[in-house]
Amino acid sequence: MNITDFLDYLHKTRGWVLDADYYSQIETWRQWWKGSVPGVHTRTAEYAEGKKKRLIASLRMPKRVCEDWANLLLNDRTTFQIADAATARYLLGDDEQQVGGLLRDLHFWTNANALVEKAFWSGTGAFVLSAENMTVVNGEAVPGPDVRLRLDYDPAPCILPLRVERGVVKEAAFVSECLIDGKPAVYLQTHTGDEKRRTICNEWFRVTDSVSGTPIFSPLEKPPEGTVESITVEGSPPWFALFSPGAVKNIDGGAGLGMSVFAEALAEAQGVDLAFDNYREDIRLGHKKIFYSTDICRTVIDKDGKPHYIPPDDDVESQFVTLPGKESSLDQSSEYHEYNPDLRVEQNHRAVQDMLNLFSFKCGLGCHRYNFENGKVTTATEYNGSRQDLIASANKNQIPIEGALIAIIRAVLWAAKELQKTAVVPDTPISVNWDDSYITDAETRMTQMRDDALSGLLPHYKYLSARYGISEEDARRLAQEAKDESRQPELTFGGGA
């Protein structure tokens, strides 16, 4: 969906004045993320039939960078620390690996990881809470045990900030494409209000094409079956939470929205693709070329009387030995000549590597995140041990993500208590335990924990729990068994007086 078309409709019908130009910038970032930017990834080439557009090969590094940031910041080793036990069980289940509870039902960690990638290419990501199977009377939500909580995960093109105070989005709308009765439609959810009273409105619009090709939006007369037009809740935190990459935006417009993690590295991204395309083209054009004298070719005359010369060997990859000419003189023209283009492997490799280094540096991942030398990729230990810039960037990017995670969890807990009547504590202390493997790899961390356990700085059961992925209770039991076994008397054989 072209969001700018829908924005034009909202401007005319609602009086909103949203920055459509900024969404055009977001669309450019999306094209880079996909690896196909008009005017950048095409080149005009001359063919026998005339000029044609040729696609430039792309490594699609903007997408790879966003994937890597998502994997570094929010992965299967990220966990919540929740003080209240009942609240922790509701969200996380009884398993210490936090693979149960409501978050499992919501496929939270998988979707949250994907949202980080979306936020890092688009500039902003949003967790949006909604409720299903809810009874609504006169617009007021009625609590009940059948209420089901749901989360949506929206990138910047779906986020329309409506009220922004001191850089914080207080009210917003969220737009997405959908199908109703097998026909395209647009769904708009609007969140307005404050800490005392909040209203969430749902609207649907049918989409049809005009004669000029511009889409026409028309409101549905009634909402789809099983949905409500609006609900109002009192004393609730916002039902949405936004976050952006940690860098301060230096692009005008787009109040409440951030900028892509590679927004300042588009020239470097283009340099990567140009270097890679040149490398690829040298290989494609690098096969042996043989130029034959017509004297040794078989001549075939077509129906129009035009001669065609057939080389003596159909295999263009054949290897030939240079021979003297027909007159047995080295200074005479040879009957054929072979040409082996230079692949320029070393120069091309250096060009690609230099561009990757620059691009990685501009995206905050360190200068040598993507380092291919001597046929291998730099290992995590080799890289992480000397890349303080990555650590600083990661710590900076964690701040907005942590704020959004805690905010949406508090909204979920409020809805669980007030709408489901679940015994949870919405204001219980919550913290996020981050995976720090971007600082030290897992094996190095385990070695350090083992050394600390042997030296008495760390309880043995803590090391066993981390090393084998078992609960601390089981680890305590194993540690005690090992301690008891070490106290057994030494067995001896034979006797002596």
Protein backbone atom coordinates (compact mmCIF):
# COMPACT_ATOMS: atom_id res chain seq x y z
CA MET A 1 0.00 0.00 0.00
CA ASN A 2 1.18 3.50 -0.84
CA ILE A 3 0.74 5.24 2.50
CA THR A 4 0.94 8.70 0.92
CA ASP A 5 -2.31 8.06 -0.99
CA PHE A 6 -4.10 7.19 2.24
CA LEU A 7 -2.55 10.22 3.95
CA ASP A 8 -3.98 12.45 1.23
CA TYR A 9 -7.40 10.97 1.96
CA LEU A 10 -7.03 11.55 5.71
CA HIS A 11 -5.85 15.12 5.14
CA LYS A 12 -8.98 15.87 3.13
CA THR A 13 -11.49 14.07 5.35
CA ARG A 14 -10.01 14.53 8.85
CA GLY A 15 -8.06 17.73 8.56
CA TRP A 16 -4.88 15.98 9.65
CA VAL A 17 -1.59 17.49 8.46
CA LEU A 18 0.87 14.61 8.55
CA ASP A 19 4.26 14.83 6.88
CA ALA A 20 3.80 12.83 3.67
CA ASP A 21 7.32 13.72 2.50
CA TYR A 22 8.83 11.85 5.44
CA TYR A 23 6.94 8.70 4.47
CA SER A 24 8.49 9.05 1.01
CA GLN A 25 11.88 8.96 2.75
CA ILE A 26 10.79 5.81 4.59
CA GLU A 27 9.83 4.26 1.24
CA THR A 28 13.38 4.91 -0.02
CA TRP A 29 14.76 3.06 3.02
CA ARG A 30 12.39 0.19 2.29
CA GLN A 31 13.74 -0.04 -1.25
CA TRP A 32 17.30 -0.21 0.07
CA TRP A 33 16.25 -2.88 2.57
CA LYS A 34 14.79 -4.91 -0.31
CA GLY A 35 17.94 -4.35 -2.38
CA SER A 36 16.28 -2.75 -5.39
CA VAL A 37 16.32 1.04 -5.66
CA PRO A 38 15.09 2.59 -8.93
CA GLY A 39 17.84 4.58 -10.58
CA VAL A 40 20.51 2.98 -8.38
CA HIS A 41 20.33 -0.72 -9.13
CA THR A 42 19.89 -0.42 -12.89
CA ARG A 43 22.35 0.46 -15.62
CA THR A 44 21.84 1.15 -19.31
CA ALA A 45 23.63 -1.31 -21.58
CA GLU A 46 23.95 -1.42 -25.38
CA TYR A 47 22.69 -4.59 -27.08
CA ALA A 48 22.17 -5.59 -30.71
CA GLU A 49 18.47 -4.80 -30.32
CA GLY A 50 19.22 -1.40 -28.79
CA LYS A 51 19.67 -0.02 -25.30
CA LYS A 52 18.26 -1.97 -22.36
CA LYS A 53 18.27 -1.67 -18.60
CA ARG A 54 20.54 -4.10 -16.77
CA LEU A 55 20.13 -4.85 -13.08
CA ILE A 56 23.17 -4.18 -10.90
CA ALA A 57 24.00 -7.07 -8.60
CA SER A 58 23.35 -6.29 -4.95
CA LEU A 59 24.64 -7.82 -1.71
CA ARG A 60 21.54 -6.39 0.03
CA MET A 61 23.64 -5.28 2.98
CA PRO A 62 21.02 -2.90 4.43
CA LYS A 63 18.81 -5.90 5.17
CA ARG A 64 21.74 -7.87 6.57
CA VAL A 65 22.63 -4.99 8.89
CA CYS A 66 19.05 -4.79 10.20
CA GLU A 67 18.97 -8.57 10.73
CA ASP A 68 22.25 -8.45 12.63
CA TRP A 69 21.06 -5.61 14.86
CA ALA A 70 17.86 -7.53 15.63
CA ASN A 71 19.83 -10.66 16.47
CA LEU A 72 22.24 -8.73 18.69
CA LEU A 73 19.61 -6.77 20.59
CA LEU A 74 16.58 -9.04 20.93
CA ASN A 75 17.09 -12.78 20.65
CA ASP A 76 16.26 -16.05 22.38
CA ARG A 77 18.63 -15.20 25.23
CA THR A 78 16.84 -11.95 26.11
CA THR A 79 14.65 -12.37 29.20
CA PHE A 80 12.46 -10.39 31.59
CA GLN A 81 13.07 -10.08 35.31
CA ILE A 82 9.64 -9.66 37.00
CA ALA A 83 9.47 -9.23 40.76
CA ASP A 84 5.94 -10.52 41.42
CA ALA A 85 5.83 -14.33 41.12
CA ALA A 86 2.19 -14.59 39.96
CA THR A 87 2.74 -11.93 37.33
CA ALA A 88 5.89 -13.68 36.12
CA ARG A 89 4.01 -16.99 35.78
CA TYR A 90 1.20 -15.31 33.83
CA LEU A 91 3.62 -13.77 31.33
CA LEU A 92 6.49 -16.25 31.25
CA GLY A 93 5.15 -19.56 32.56
CA ASP A 94 6.92 -21.75 35.10
CA ASP A 95 9.88 -22.59 32.87
CA GLU A 96 13.01 -20.64 33.72
CA GLN A 97 13.76 -20.37 30.01
CA GLN A 98 10.65 -18.17 29.71
CA VAL A 99 9.04 -20.20 26.94
CA GLY A 100 5.59 -20.39 28.53
CA GLY A 101 2.79 -18.09 29.61
CA LEU A 102 1.13 -15.37 27.59
CA LEU A 103 4.31 -14.40 25.75
CA ARG A 104 4.51 -17.90 24.28
CA ASP A 105 0.89 -17.71 23.11
CA LEU A 106 1.66 -14.38 21.46
CA HIS A 107 4.87 -15.74 19.83
CA PHE A 108 6.31 -12.64 21.41
CA TRP A 109 10.05 -13.10 21.06
CA THR A 110 9.91 -14.16 17.40
CA ASN A 111 7.67 -11.24 16.49
CA ALA A 112 9.64 -8.78 18.64
CA ASN A 113 12.89 -9.81 16.94
CA ALA A 114 11.26 -9.24 13.54
CA LEU A 115 9.97 -5.86 14.72
CA VAL A 116 13.49 -4.72 15.63
CA GLU A 117 14.59 -5.49 12.08
CA LYS A 118 11.59 -3.58 10.71
CA ALA A 119 12.24 -0.64 13.01
CA PHE A 120 15.89 -0.48 12.03
CA TRP A 121 15.12 -0.23 8.31
CA SER A 122 12.07 2.03 8.67
CA GLY A 123 13.22 4.16 11.60
CA THR A 124 10.46 3.23 14.08
CA GLY A 125 8.70 0.15 15.42
CA ALA A 126 5.47 -0.10 17.43
CA PHE A 127 4.01 -2.70 19.77
CA VAL A 128 0.22 -2.27 19.64
CA LEU A 129 -2.12 -3.98 22.11
CA SER A 130 -5.65 -5.09 21.23
CA ALA A 131 -8.30 -7.33 22.80
CA GLU A 132 -10.60 -9.99 21.32
CA ASN A 133 -13.83 -11.61 22.58
CA MET A 134 -14.55 -8.51 24.65
CA THR A 135 -18.01 -7.32 25.58
CA VAL A 136 -18.63 -3.61 24.98
CA VAL A 137 -21.65 -1.77 26.40
CA ASN A 138 -22.20 1.85 25.34
CA GLY A 139 -18.58 2.04 24.27
CA GLU A 140 -17.28 0.87 27.66
CA ALA A 141 -15.21 -2.32 27.88
CA VAL A 142 -16.76 -4.95 30.15
CA PRO A 143 -14.36 -7.35 31.92
CA GLY A 144 -14.77 -11.06 31.30
CA PRO A 145 -12.78 -14.32 31.39
CA ASP A 146 -13.09 -14.82 27.62
CA VAL A 147 -11.09 -11.71 26.73
CA ARG A 148 -7.99 -12.54 24.71
CA LEU A 149 -5.07 -10.13 24.42
CA ARG A 150 -3.22 -9.68 21.14
CA LEU A 151 -0.20 -7.71 19.97
CA ASP A 152 0.56 -6.20 16.58
CA TYR A 153 4.08 -5.29 15.49
CA ASP A 154 4.11 -2.33 13.09
CA PRO A 155 6.99 -0.60 11.22
CA ALA A 156 7.10 3.13 10.52
CA PRO A 157 4.94 3.11 7.33
CA CYS A 158 2.03 1.92 9.51
CA ILE A 159 2.51 4.51 12.28
CA LEU A 160 0.80 7.91 12.18
CA PRO A 161 1.74 10.07 15.20
CA LEU A 162 -1.15 12.40 16.13
CA ARG A 163 0.15 14.09 19.28
CA VAL A 164 3.81 14.43 20.15
CA GLU A 165 5.08 16.06 23.34
CA ARG A 166 8.80 16.52 24.01
CA GLY A 167 9.55 13.91 21.36
CA VAL A 168 7.19 11.33 22.90
CA VAL A 169 4.18 10.13 20.91
CA LYS A 170 1.11 10.47 23.14
CA GLU A 171 -1.61 9.72 20.57
CA ALA A 172 -1.27 7.77 17.35
CA ALA A 173 -3.06 5.91 14.60
CA PHE A 174 -1.96 2.64 13.03
CA VAL A 175 -2.81 1.68 9.48
CA SER A 176 -2.54 -1.68 7.72
CA GLU A 177 -3.81 -3.49 4.65
CA CYS A 178 -6.34 -6.29 4.96
CA LEU A 179 -8.92 -8.24 2.96
CA ILE A 180 -12.65 -8.07 3.65
CA ASP A 181 -14.91 -10.41 1.66
CA GLY A 182 -11.91 -11.14 -0.55
CA LYS A 183 -11.50 -7.48 -1.49
CA PRO A 184 -8.68 -5.07 -0.55
CA ALA A 185 -9.32 -2.80 2.41
CA VAL A 186 -7.45 -0.56 4.83
CA TYR A 187 -7.75 -0.89 8.61
CA LEU A 188 -7.19 2.22 10.74
CA GLN A 189 -6.92 2.01 14.53
CA THR A 190 -6.73 5.33 16.41
CA HIS A 191 -5.52 5.71 20.01
CA THR A 192 -6.46 9.01 21.68
CA GLY A 193 -6.79 10.30 25.24
CA ASP A 194 -4.58 10.52 28.30
CA GLU A 195 -3.84 8.71 31.57
CA LYS A 196 -7.38 9.29 32.82
CA ARG A 197 -9.40 8.14 29.83
CA ARG A 198 -8.39 6.53 26.55
CA THR A 199 -10.43 5.77 23.45
CA ILE A 200 -9.48 3.27 20.77
CA CYS A 201 -11.39 3.56 17.49
CA ASN A 202 -11.50 1.01 14.67
CA GLU A 203 -12.28 1.96 11.07
CA TRP A 204 -12.22 0.10 7.78
CA PHE A 205 -12.05 1.53 4.27
CA ARG A 206 -12.81 -0.16 0.97
CA VAL A 207 -10.13 0.45 -1.69
CA THR A 208 -10.99 0.80 -5.38
CA ASP A 209 -9.02 2.13 -8.34
CA SER A 210 -10.02 5.28 -10.16
CA VAL A 211 -9.72 5.81 -13.89
CA SER A 212 -6.41 7.60 -13.33
CA GLY A 213 -5.10 4.71 -11.23
CA THR A 214 -5.21 6.64 -7.93
CA PRO A 215 -6.88 4.53 -5.23
CA ILE A 216 -10.23 5.65 -3.86
CA PHE A 217 -10.99 5.07 -0.16
CA SER A 218 -14.55 4.76 1.07
CA PRO A 219 -15.56 3.95 4.68
CA LEU A 220 -17.41 0.70 5.30
CA GLU A 221 -20.94 1.31 6.48
CA LYS A 222 -20.55 -1.10 9.37
CA PRO A 223 -17.54 -2.84 10.90
CA PRO A 224 -16.81 -6.49 10.08
CA GLU A 225 -18.71 -8.99 12.18
CA GLY A 226 -17.25 -9.53 15.64
CA THR A 227 -15.55 -6.13 15.83
CA VAL A 228 -16.52 -2.85 17.47
CA GLU A 229 -16.15 0.71 16.29
CA SER A 230 -14.61 1.97 19.54
CA ILE A 231 -13.94 1.24 23.20
CA THR A 232 -13.09 3.50 26.11
CA VAL A 233 -10.98 2.54 29.13
CA GLU A 234 -10.12 4.53 32.23
CA GLY A 235 -6.83 4.72 34.09
CA SER A 236 -4.97 2.72 31.47
CA PRO A 237 -1.41 3.24 30.22
CA PRO A 238 -1.06 3.68 26.43
CA TRP A 239 -1.95 0.57 24.44
CA PHE A 240 1.06 1.12 22.21
CA ALA A 241 4.81 1.62 22.64
CA LEU A 242 7.25 2.98 20.07
CA PHE A 243 11.02 2.72 19.72
CA SER A 244 13.64 3.80 17.19
CA PRO A 245 17.36 3.22 16.64
CA GLY A 246 19.42 5.12 19.19
CA ALA A 247 20.94 7.67 16.79
CA VAL A 248 19.58 11.21 16.93
CA LYS A 249 17.64 12.00 13.75
CA ASN A 250 19.22 14.67 11.54
CA ILE A 251 16.44 14.62 8.96
CA ASP A 252 13.73 17.28 9.07
CA GLY A 253 10.10 16.30 9.49
CA GLY A 254 8.48 13.10 10.68
CA ALA A 255 7.67 14.25 14.24
CA GLY A 256 7.65 11.26 16.59
CA LEU A 257 9.39 9.00 14.08
CA GLY A 258 13.05 7.99 13.94
CA MET A 259 15.40 7.30 11.06
CA SER A 260 16.77 4.09 9.58
CA VAL A 261 19.97 2.70 11.05
CA PHE A 262 21.52 2.94 7.56
CA ALA A 263 20.07 6.37 6.69
CA GLU A 264 23.56 7.90 6.94
CA ALA A 265 25.17 5.06 4.99
CA LEU A 266 23.32 5.05 1.65
CA ALA A 267 26.40 6.16 -0.30
CA GLU A 268 28.39 3.35 1.31
CA ALA A 269 25.61 0.84 0.56
CA GLN A 270 25.73 1.89 -3.08
CA GLY A 271 29.53 1.56 -3.03
CA VAL A 272 29.19 -2.04 -1.77
CA ASP A 273 26.85 -2.93 -4.61
CA LEU A 274 28.94 -1.21 -7.27
CA ALA A 275 32.07 -3.03 -6.09
CA PHE A 276 30.24 -6.35 -5.93
CA ASP A 277 28.67 -5.83 -9.35
CA ASN A 278 32.07 -5.05 -10.86
CA TYR A 279 33.52 -8.21 -9.25
CA ARG A 280 30.64 -10.27 -10.63
CA GLU A 281 30.92 -8.75 -14.10
CA ASP A 282 34.66 -9.45 -14.27
CA ILE A 283 33.94 -13.09 -13.51
CA ARG A 284 31.03 -13.24 -15.97
CA LEU A 285 33.11 -11.73 -18.76
CA GLY A 286 36.32 -13.51 -17.80
CA HIS A 287 35.96 -16.69 -19.83
CA LYS A 288 38.49 -17.36 -22.59
CA LYS A 289 37.84 -15.59 -25.88
CA ILE A 290 39.28 -16.98 -29.13
CA PHE A 291 39.50 -14.95 -32.33
CA TYR A 292 39.74 -17.15 -35.43
CA SER A 293 41.00 -16.36 -38.87
CA THR A 294 38.34 -17.03 -41.48
CA ASP A 295 40.91 -19.21 -43.24
CA ILE A 296 40.39 -22.03 -40.75
CA CYS A 297 36.62 -21.58 -40.32
CA ARG A 298 33.95 -23.50 -42.17
CA THR A 299 31.90 -21.19 -44.38
CA VAL A 300 28.12 -21.62 -44.61
CA ILE A 301 26.00 -19.56 -47.00
CA ASP A 302 22.44 -18.82 -45.80
CA LYS A 303 19.39 -18.50 -48.04
CA ASP A 304 20.07 -14.78 -48.52
CA GLY A 305 23.57 -15.49 -49.78
CA LYS A 306 25.20 -14.14 -46.64
CA PRO A 307 28.24 -16.11 -45.44
CA HIS A 308 28.50 -17.37 -41.85
CA TYR A 309 31.81 -18.60 -40.46
CA ILE A 310 31.73 -21.63 -38.16
CA PRO A 311 34.79 -22.02 -35.85
CA PRO A 312 36.51 -25.40 -35.94
CA ASP A 313 35.82 -26.03 -32.27
CA ASP A 314 32.42 -25.41 -30.67
CA ASP A 315 33.89 -25.44 -27.14
CA VAL A 316 34.70 -21.82 -26.32
CA GLU A 317 36.41 -22.97 -23.11
CA SER A 318 39.02 -25.09 -24.95
CA GLN A 319 42.64 -24.39 -24.18
CA PHE A 320 44.87 -23.64 -27.17
CA VAL A 321 48.64 -23.56 -27.57
CA THR A 322 49.99 -20.60 -29.50
CA LEU A 323 51.40 -21.82 -32.83
CA PRO A 324 53.35 -20.10 -35.62
CA GLY A 325 51.48 -18.76 -38.62
CA LYS A 326 50.92 -20.56 -41.89
CA GLU A 327 54.32 -19.56 -43.24
CA SER A 328 56.10 -20.98 -40.16
CA SER A 329 57.27 -17.53 -39.20
CA LEU A 330 56.64 -16.11 -35.71
CA ASP A 331 56.17 -12.60 -37.07
CA GLN A 332 53.28 -13.67 -39.31
CA SER A 333 49.64 -13.35 -38.18
CA SER A 334 48.38 -16.43 -36.42
CA GLU A 335 45.32 -18.22 -37.74
CA TYR A 336 43.72 -17.70 -34.34
CA HIS A 337 44.41 -15.70 -31.22
CA GLU A 338 43.22 -16.35 -27.69
CA TYR A 339 42.49 -13.70 -25.08
CA ASN A 340 42.22 -14.40 -21.33
CA PRO A 341 40.68 -11.40 -19.51
CA ASP A 342 42.12 -10.47 -16.15
CA LEU A 343 39.62 -11.29 -13.38
CA ARG A 344 41.25 -8.75 -11.05
CA VAL A 345 40.34 -10.91 -8.08
CA GLU A 346 42.58 -9.15 -5.58
CA GLN A 347 41.56 -5.65 -6.62
CA ASN A 348 37.86 -6.54 -6.64
CA HIS A 349 38.11 -8.27 -3.28
CA ARG A 350 39.80 -5.21 -1.77
CA ALA A 351 37.16 -2.90 -3.21
CA VAL A 352 34.29 -4.98 -1.82
CA GLN A 353 36.01 -5.31 1.57
CA ASP A 354 36.73 -1.58 1.81
CA MET A 355 33.11 -0.72 1.05
CA LEU A 356 31.87 -3.29 3.58
CA ASN A 357 34.15 -1.81 6.24
CA LEU A 358 32.85 1.70 5.60
CA PHE A 359 29.22 0.57 5.54
CA SER A 360 29.57 -1.46 8.74
CA PHE A 361 31.23 1.48 10.48
CA LYS A 362 28.51 3.95 9.42
CA CYS A 363 25.79 1.57 10.70
CA GLY A 364 27.37 1.34 14.16
CA LEU A 365 28.52 -2.27 13.89
CA GLY A 366 32.24 -1.53 13.92
CA CYS A 367 34.69 -1.19 11.07
CA HIS A 368 35.32 -4.91 10.53
CA ARG A 369 31.98 -6.58 11.25
CA TYR A 370 32.01 -8.18 7.79
CA ASN A 371 35.63 -9.15 7.33
CA PHE A 372 36.50 -11.84 4.76
CA GLU A 373 40.20 -12.58 4.78
CA ASN A 374 42.15 -15.68 3.75
CA GLY A 375 38.98 -17.54 2.88
CA LYS A 376 37.35 -17.20 6.30
CA VAL A 377 35.11 -14.81 8.20
CA THR A 378 36.55 -13.17 11.31
CA THR A 379 35.38 -15.07 14.39
CA ALA A 380 33.24 -13.49 17.11
CA THR A 381 36.14 -13.54 19.58
CA GLU A 382 38.55 -11.89 17.13
CA TYR A 383 35.98 -9.26 16.26
CA ASN A 384 34.35 -8.51 19.61
CA GLY A 385 37.58 -8.26 21.52
CA SER A 386 38.58 -5.04 19.74
CA ARG A 387 35.30 -3.41 18.70
CA GLN A 388 34.29 -0.99 21.41
CA ASP A 389 32.24 1.00 18.90
CA LEU A 390 29.83 -1.94 18.54
CA ILE A 391 29.45 -2.23 22.30
CA ALA A 392 28.74 1.49 22.64
CA SER A 393 26.19 1.42 19.81
CA ALA A 394 24.47 -1.68 21.16
CA ASN A 395 24.16 -0.21 24.66
CA LYS A 396 22.73 2.96 23.15
CA ASN A 397 20.21 1.07 21.02
CA GLN A 398 19.05 -1.00 24.00
CA ILE A 399 17.71 2.07 25.82
CA PRO A 400 14.68 2.84 23.58
CA ILE A 401 13.92 -0.86 23.06
CA GLU A 402 13.93 -1.53 26.80
CA GLY A 403 11.58 1.39 27.38
CA ALA A 404 9.16 0.09 24.74
CA LEU A 405 9.29 -3.49 26.05
CA ILE A 406 8.51 -2.47 29.63
CA ALA A 407 5.80 -0.03 28.50
CA ILE A 408 3.92 -2.60 26.42
CA ILE A 409 4.27 -5.27 29.13
CA ARG A 410 2.70 -2.86 31.63
CA ALA A 411 -0.15 -2.23 29.20
CA VAL A 412 -0.63 -5.99 28.82
CA LEU A 413 -0.65 -6.46 32.60
CA TRP A 414 -3.16 -3.63 33.05
CA ALA A 415 -5.47 -5.24 30.48
CA ALA A 416 -5.01 -8.65 32.11
CA LYS A 417 -6.01 -7.29 35.51
CA GLU A 418 -8.82 -4.96 34.44
CA LEU A 419 -10.30 -6.83 31.48
CA GLN A 420 -9.56 -10.48 32.32
CA LYS A 421 -9.59 -10.10 36.13
CA THR A 422 -6.29 -11.97 36.30
CA ALA A 423 -4.34 -11.83 39.57
CA VAL A 424 -1.36 -9.84 38.31
CA VAL A 425 0.41 -6.70 39.52
CA PRO A 426 0.80 -4.19 36.65
CA ASP A 427 3.22 -1.94 38.54
CA THR A 428 5.54 -4.73 39.71
CA PRO A 429 9.25 -3.99 39.07
CA ILE A 430 10.26 -5.16 35.59
CA SER A 431 13.70 -5.22 33.99
CA VAL A 432 15.18 -6.67 30.81
CA ASN A 433 18.13 -9.05 30.91
CA TRP A 434 20.07 -8.53 27.69
CA ASP A 435 22.20 -11.06 25.89
CA ASP A 436 25.77 -9.72 25.94
CA SER A 437 27.34 -12.17 23.50
CA TYR A 438 28.26 -9.22 21.27
CA ILE A 439 30.79 -8.37 24.00
CA THR A 440 32.09 -11.87 24.70
CA ASP A 441 31.15 -15.02 22.83
CA ALA A 442 29.41 -17.85 24.70
CA GLU A 443 32.48 -20.07 24.99
CA THR A 444 34.61 -17.28 26.43
CA ARG A 445 31.86 -16.43 28.91
CA MET A 446 31.56 -20.07 30.01
CA THR A 447 35.31 -20.30 30.49
CA GLN A 448 35.28 -17.18 32.64
CA MET A 449 32.38 -18.52 34.74
CA ARG A 450 34.23 -21.83 35.21
CA ASP A 451 37.35 -20.04 36.38
CA ASP A 452 35.30 -17.92 38.78
CA ALA A 453 33.59 -21.03 40.16
CA LEU A 454 36.92 -22.82 40.70
CA SER A 455 38.39 -19.77 42.42
CA GLY A 456 35.38 -19.43 44.72
CA LEU A 457 34.12 -16.16 43.25
CA LEU A 458 30.97 -17.82 41.87
CA PRO A 459 28.84 -20.62 43.38
CA HIS A 460 29.34 -23.88 41.48
CA TYR A 461 25.63 -24.32 40.85
CA LYS A 462 25.50 -20.97 39.00
CA TYR A 463 28.11 -22.21 36.53
CA LEU A 464 26.36 -25.60 36.11
CA SER A 465 23.02 -23.89 35.47
CA ALA A 466 24.48 -21.66 32.76
CA ARG A 467 26.69 -24.36 31.25
CA TYR A 468 24.01 -27.06 30.86
CA GLY A 469 20.89 -24.92 30.61
CA ILE A 470 19.21 -26.45 33.67
CA SER A 471 17.31 -24.83 36.54
CA GLU A 472 19.25 -23.54 39.52
CA GLU A 473 17.49 -26.12 41.71
CA ASP A 474 18.76 -28.99 39.55
CA ALA A 475 22.19 -27.35 39.41
CA ARG A 476 22.31 -27.13 43.22
CA ARG A 477 21.54 -30.84 43.41
CA LEU A 478 24.27 -31.72 40.92
CA ALA A 479 26.78 -29.55 42.76
CA GLN A 480 25.88 -31.21 46.07
CA GLU A 481 26.17 -34.70 44.58
CA ALA A 482 29.61 -33.84 43.23
CA LYS A 483 30.63 -32.44 46.62
CA ASP A 484 29.37 -35.54 48.46
CA GLU A 485 31.15 -37.86 46.05
CA SER A 486 34.44 -36.05 46.55
CA ARG A 487 34.17 -36.74 50.31
CA GLN A 488 33.98 -40.55 49.96
CA PRO A 489 36.93 -42.43 51.56
CA GLU A 490 39.56 -43.67 49.18
CA LEU A 491 39.29 -47.43 48.45
CA THR A 492 42.39 -49.61 48.92
CA PHE A 493 43.13 -53.19 47.92
CA GLY A 494 45.01 -55.74 50.04
CA GLY A 495 46.00 -55.40 53.66
CA GLY A 496 49.13 -54.71 55.47
CA ALA A 497 50.20 -55.12 59.05
